[in-house]
């Protein structure tokens, strides 16, 4: 008969391996979700907003902060040019 401590240790080891495997399957999605949970802790986020953006909430809050920091009318100008802007990285 196994002891409670052994079962708990086995479960902890299993969960640790499971989470490592799950993270390695899609690390960017996992990172977005974790960042969004941190945003949910720092800000007053309604359930409606959470359901709408879920793991993209971090990006939405970041974008909102960037847009709020721009001069008046600048974001609107950017939106007008958005489809035509092309930036190529230097090699």
N, C-alpha and C. Protein backbone atom coordinates (compact mmCIF):
# COMPACT_ATOMS: atom_id res chain seq x y z
N UNK A 1 0.82 -1.18 0.00
CA UNK A 1 0.00 0.00 0.00
C UNK A 1 0.88 1.26 0.00
N UNK A 2 0.58 2.18 -0.91
CA UNK A 2 1.37 3.39 -1.03
C UNK A 2 0.97 4.39 0.04
N UNK A 3 1.95 5.15 0.46
CA UNK A 3 1.66 6.20 1.44
C UNK A 3 1.14 7.43 0.71
N UNK A 4 0.52 8.30 1.49
CA UNK A 4 -0.03 9.53 0.92
C UNK A 4 1.08 10.41 0.35
N UNK A 5 2.23 10.45 1.04
CA UNK A 5 3.35 11.27 0.58
C UNK A 5 3.88 10.77 -0.77
N UNK A 6 3.93 9.45 -0.93
CA UNK A 6 4.43 8.87 -2.19
C UNK A 6 3.46 9.20 -3.34
N UNK A 7 2.16 9.09 -3.08
CA UNK A 7 1.17 9.42 -4.11
C UNK A 7 1.28 10.89 -4.50
N UNK A 8 1.45 11.76 -3.51
CA UNK A 8 1.58 13.19 -3.78
C UNK A 8 2.85 13.47 -4.57
N UNK A 9 3.95 12.84 -4.21
CA UNK A 9 5.20 13.02 -4.93
C UNK A 9 5.07 12.55 -6.37
N UNK A 10 4.42 11.40 -6.57
CA UNK A 10 4.21 10.89 -7.92
C UNK A 10 3.32 11.83 -8.73
N UNK A 11 2.29 12.35 -8.11
CA UNK A 11 1.39 13.27 -8.79
C UNK A 11 2.12 14.57 -9.15
N UNK A 12 2.93 15.08 -8.22
CA UNK A 12 3.70 16.29 -8.49
C UNK A 12 4.68 16.08 -9.64
N UNK A 13 5.33 14.93 -9.66
CA UNK A 13 6.27 14.62 -10.74
C UNK A 13 5.51 14.50 -12.06
N UNK A 14 4.39 13.83 -12.05
CA UNK A 14 3.57 13.68 -13.25
C UNK A 14 3.13 15.04 -13.77
N UNK A 15 2.62 15.90 -12.88
CA UNK A 15 2.14 17.21 -13.30
C UNK A 15 3.28 18.07 -13.83
N UNK A 16 4.44 17.97 -13.23
CA UNK A 16 5.60 18.72 -13.69
C UNK A 16 5.98 18.30 -15.11
N UNK A 17 6.03 17.01 -15.34
CA UNK A 17 6.35 16.50 -16.68
C UNK A 17 5.25 16.87 -17.69
N UNK A 18 4.02 16.80 -17.26
CA UNK A 18 2.89 17.15 -18.13
C UNK A 18 2.98 18.61 -18.56
N UNK A 19 3.24 19.50 -17.60
CA UNK A 19 3.31 20.92 -17.91
C UNK A 19 4.51 21.24 -18.80
N UNK A 20 5.63 20.59 -18.58
CA UNK A 20 6.80 20.79 -19.45
C UNK A 20 6.47 20.39 -20.88
N UNK A 21 5.79 19.26 -21.03
CA UNK A 21 5.42 18.77 -22.36
C UNK A 21 4.44 19.74 -23.01
N UNK A 22 3.44 20.16 -22.24
CA UNK A 22 2.43 21.08 -22.77
C UNK A 22 3.06 22.40 -23.18
N UNK A 23 3.98 22.92 -22.38
CA UNK A 23 4.66 24.17 -22.70
C UNK A 23 5.50 24.03 -23.97
N UNK A 24 6.21 22.93 -24.10
CA UNK A 24 7.09 22.75 -25.25
C UNK A 24 6.33 22.57 -26.55
N UNK A 25 5.07 22.15 -26.48
CA UNK A 25 4.26 21.99 -27.69
C UNK A 25 3.93 23.34 -28.33
N UNK A 26 3.69 24.37 -27.51
CA UNK A 26 3.35 25.68 -28.04
C UNK A 26 3.80 26.76 -27.04
N UNK A 27 5.09 27.06 -27.00
CA UNK A 27 5.59 27.99 -25.98
C UNK A 27 5.05 29.43 -26.14
N UNK A 28 4.82 29.89 -27.35
CA UNK A 28 4.34 31.27 -27.51
C UNK A 28 2.91 31.41 -26.97
N UNK A 29 2.07 30.42 -27.18
CA UNK A 29 0.69 30.48 -26.65
C UNK A 29 0.72 30.43 -25.13
N UNK A 30 1.58 29.61 -24.57
CA UNK A 30 1.69 29.49 -23.12
C UNK A 30 2.18 30.81 -22.52
N UNK A 31 3.17 31.43 -23.17
CA UNK A 31 3.72 32.70 -22.70
C UNK A 31 2.65 33.80 -22.76
N UNK A 32 1.86 33.85 -23.86
CA UNK A 32 0.78 34.84 -23.97
C UNK A 32 -0.24 34.66 -22.84
N UNK A 33 -0.60 33.41 -22.58
CA UNK A 33 -1.58 33.13 -21.53
C UNK A 33 -1.05 33.55 -20.16
N UNK A 34 0.20 33.22 -19.87
CA UNK A 34 0.80 33.57 -18.59
C UNK A 34 0.89 35.09 -18.43
N UNK A 35 1.30 35.80 -19.49
CA UNK A 35 1.36 37.26 -19.44
C UNK A 35 -0.03 37.85 -19.22
N UNK A 36 -1.04 37.28 -19.84
CA UNK A 36 -2.41 37.76 -19.68
C UNK A 36 -2.92 37.54 -18.27
N UNK A 37 -2.55 36.42 -17.66
CA UNK A 37 -2.93 36.19 -16.26
C UNK A 37 -2.29 37.23 -15.34
N UNK A 38 -1.04 37.59 -15.63
CA UNK A 38 -0.36 38.62 -14.84
C UNK A 38 -1.06 39.97 -15.00
N UNK A 39 -1.49 40.29 -16.21
CA UNK A 39 -2.23 41.53 -16.45
C UNK A 39 -3.54 41.51 -15.67
N UNK A 40 -4.19 40.36 -15.65
CA UNK A 40 -5.46 40.22 -14.93
C UNK A 40 -5.27 40.48 -13.43
N UNK A 41 -4.09 40.15 -12.90
CA UNK A 41 -3.80 40.41 -11.49
C UNK A 41 -3.54 41.89 -11.22
N UNK A 42 -2.93 42.58 -12.20
CA UNK A 42 -2.51 43.97 -12.00
C UNK A 42 -3.61 44.98 -12.27
N UNK A 43 -4.57 44.65 -13.12
CA UNK A 43 -5.61 45.58 -13.54
C UNK A 43 -6.97 45.04 -13.15
N UNK A 44 -7.95 45.92 -13.10
CA UNK A 44 -9.33 45.50 -12.89
C UNK A 44 -9.88 45.09 -14.25
N UNK A 45 -9.96 43.80 -14.49
CA UNK A 45 -10.42 43.25 -15.77
C UNK A 45 -11.76 42.57 -15.54
N UNK A 46 -12.76 43.01 -16.30
CA UNK A 46 -14.08 42.39 -16.17
C UNK A 46 -14.08 41.02 -16.85
N UNK A 47 -15.04 40.20 -16.48
CA UNK A 47 -15.18 38.89 -17.11
C UNK A 47 -15.45 39.02 -18.61
N UNK A 48 -16.18 40.05 -18.98
CA UNK A 48 -16.50 40.28 -20.39
C UNK A 48 -15.22 40.55 -21.20
N UNK A 49 -14.35 41.39 -20.67
CA UNK A 49 -13.08 41.69 -21.35
C UNK A 49 -12.21 40.43 -21.41
N UNK A 50 -12.15 39.69 -20.29
CA UNK A 50 -11.34 38.46 -20.26
C UNK A 50 -11.84 37.47 -21.30
N UNK A 51 -13.14 37.27 -21.38
CA UNK A 51 -13.70 36.32 -22.35
C UNK A 51 -13.44 36.77 -23.78
N UNK A 52 -13.41 38.05 -23.99
CA UNK A 52 -13.22 38.59 -25.34
C UNK A 52 -11.78 38.41 -25.83
N UNK A 53 -10.80 38.65 -24.95
CA UNK A 53 -9.40 38.66 -25.39
C UNK A 53 -8.56 37.50 -24.87
N UNK A 54 -8.94 36.90 -23.77
CA UNK A 54 -8.24 35.75 -23.16
C UNK A 54 -6.72 35.89 -23.21
N UNK A 55 -6.03 34.99 -23.94
CA UNK A 55 -4.57 34.99 -23.90
C UNK A 55 -3.95 36.11 -24.73
N UNK A 56 -4.75 36.94 -25.37
CA UNK A 56 -4.24 38.12 -26.06
C UNK A 56 -4.44 39.39 -25.25
N UNK A 57 -4.92 39.26 -24.03
CA UNK A 57 -5.18 40.42 -23.18
C UNK A 57 -3.91 41.23 -22.95
N UNK A 58 -2.79 40.57 -22.76
CA UNK A 58 -1.52 41.26 -22.54
C UNK A 58 -1.21 42.18 -23.72
N UNK A 59 -1.37 41.70 -24.94
CA UNK A 59 -1.09 42.50 -26.13
C UNK A 59 -2.05 43.67 -26.22
N UNK A 60 -3.31 43.44 -25.90
CA UNK A 60 -4.33 44.50 -25.98
C UNK A 60 -4.01 45.61 -24.98
N UNK A 61 -3.67 45.25 -23.75
CA UNK A 61 -3.34 46.25 -22.73
C UNK A 61 -2.07 47.01 -23.15
N UNK A 62 -1.08 46.31 -23.67
CA UNK A 62 0.15 46.95 -24.12
C UNK A 62 -0.13 47.93 -25.26
N UNK A 63 -0.93 47.50 -26.23
CA UNK A 63 -1.30 48.39 -27.33
C UNK A 63 -2.04 49.62 -26.83
N UNK A 64 -2.96 49.43 -25.92
CA UNK A 64 -3.72 50.55 -25.36
C UNK A 64 -2.80 51.56 -24.70
N UNK A 65 -1.81 51.08 -23.95
CA UNK A 65 -0.86 51.97 -23.29
C UNK A 65 -0.01 52.73 -24.31
N UNK A 66 0.42 52.04 -25.38
CA UNK A 66 1.20 52.70 -26.43
C UNK A 66 0.37 53.77 -27.13
N UNK A 67 -0.86 53.41 -27.49
CA UNK A 67 -1.75 54.35 -28.19
C UNK A 67 -2.04 55.56 -27.32
N UNK A 68 -2.28 55.33 -26.02
CA UNK A 68 -2.56 56.44 -25.11
C UNK A 68 -1.37 57.39 -24.99
N UNK A 69 -0.16 56.88 -25.22
CA UNK A 69 1.04 57.70 -25.13
C UNK A 69 1.36 58.49 -26.39
N UNK A 70 0.65 58.23 -27.47
CA UNK A 70 0.89 58.94 -28.72
C UNK A 70 0.21 60.31 -28.72
N UNK A 71 0.76 61.26 -29.48
CA UNK A 71 0.10 62.57 -29.58
C UNK A 71 -1.28 62.44 -30.24
N UNK A 72 -2.14 63.41 -29.99
CA UNK A 72 -3.49 63.41 -30.57
C UNK A 72 -3.43 63.33 -32.09
N UNK A 73 -4.24 62.47 -32.66
CA UNK A 73 -4.34 62.33 -34.10
C UNK A 73 -3.30 61.42 -34.73
N UNK A 74 -2.27 61.05 -33.97
CA UNK A 74 -1.20 60.24 -34.53
C UNK A 74 -1.66 58.81 -34.81
N UNK A 75 -2.43 58.24 -33.91
CA UNK A 75 -2.91 56.87 -34.11
C UNK A 75 -3.84 56.79 -35.31
N UNK A 76 -4.69 57.77 -35.46
CA UNK A 76 -5.59 57.80 -36.61
C UNK A 76 -4.79 57.86 -37.91
N UNK A 77 -3.72 58.67 -37.93
CA UNK A 77 -2.86 58.76 -39.11
C UNK A 77 -2.20 57.40 -39.39
N UNK A 78 -1.75 56.75 -38.34
CA UNK A 78 -1.16 55.41 -38.50
C UNK A 78 -2.17 54.43 -39.10
N UNK A 79 -3.40 54.44 -38.61
CA UNK A 79 -4.43 53.53 -39.12
C UNK A 79 -4.70 53.77 -40.60
N UNK A 80 -4.63 55.01 -41.03
CA UNK A 80 -4.84 55.30 -42.44
C UNK A 80 -3.70 54.73 -43.29
N UNK A 81 -2.50 54.70 -42.75
CA UNK A 81 -1.33 54.20 -43.48
C UNK A 81 -1.05 52.72 -43.24
N UNK A 82 -1.73 52.13 -42.30
CA UNK A 82 -1.40 50.77 -41.83
C UNK A 82 -1.26 49.75 -42.96
N UNK A 83 -2.22 49.68 -43.84
CA UNK A 83 -2.22 48.66 -44.90
C UNK A 83 -1.07 48.84 -45.88
N UNK A 84 -0.57 50.06 -46.04
CA UNK A 84 0.48 50.31 -47.03
C UNK A 84 1.88 50.31 -46.43
N UNK A 85 2.00 50.36 -45.12
CA UNK A 85 3.33 50.38 -44.50
C UNK A 85 4.00 49.01 -44.62
N UNK A 86 5.24 49.03 -45.04
CA UNK A 86 6.04 47.80 -45.12
C UNK A 86 7.41 48.10 -44.54
N UNK A 87 7.82 47.33 -43.59
CA UNK A 87 9.14 47.49 -42.97
C UNK A 87 9.90 46.19 -43.15
N UNK A 88 11.06 46.29 -43.75
CA UNK A 88 11.89 45.10 -43.95
C UNK A 88 13.07 45.20 -43.00
N UNK A 89 13.39 44.10 -42.36
CA UNK A 89 14.52 44.06 -41.45
C UNK A 89 15.83 44.06 -42.22
N UNK A 90 16.81 44.72 -41.65
CA UNK A 90 18.14 44.71 -42.23
C UNK A 90 18.80 43.38 -41.92
N UNK A 91 19.66 42.96 -42.81
CA UNK A 91 20.35 41.68 -42.57
C UNK A 91 21.67 41.89 -41.90
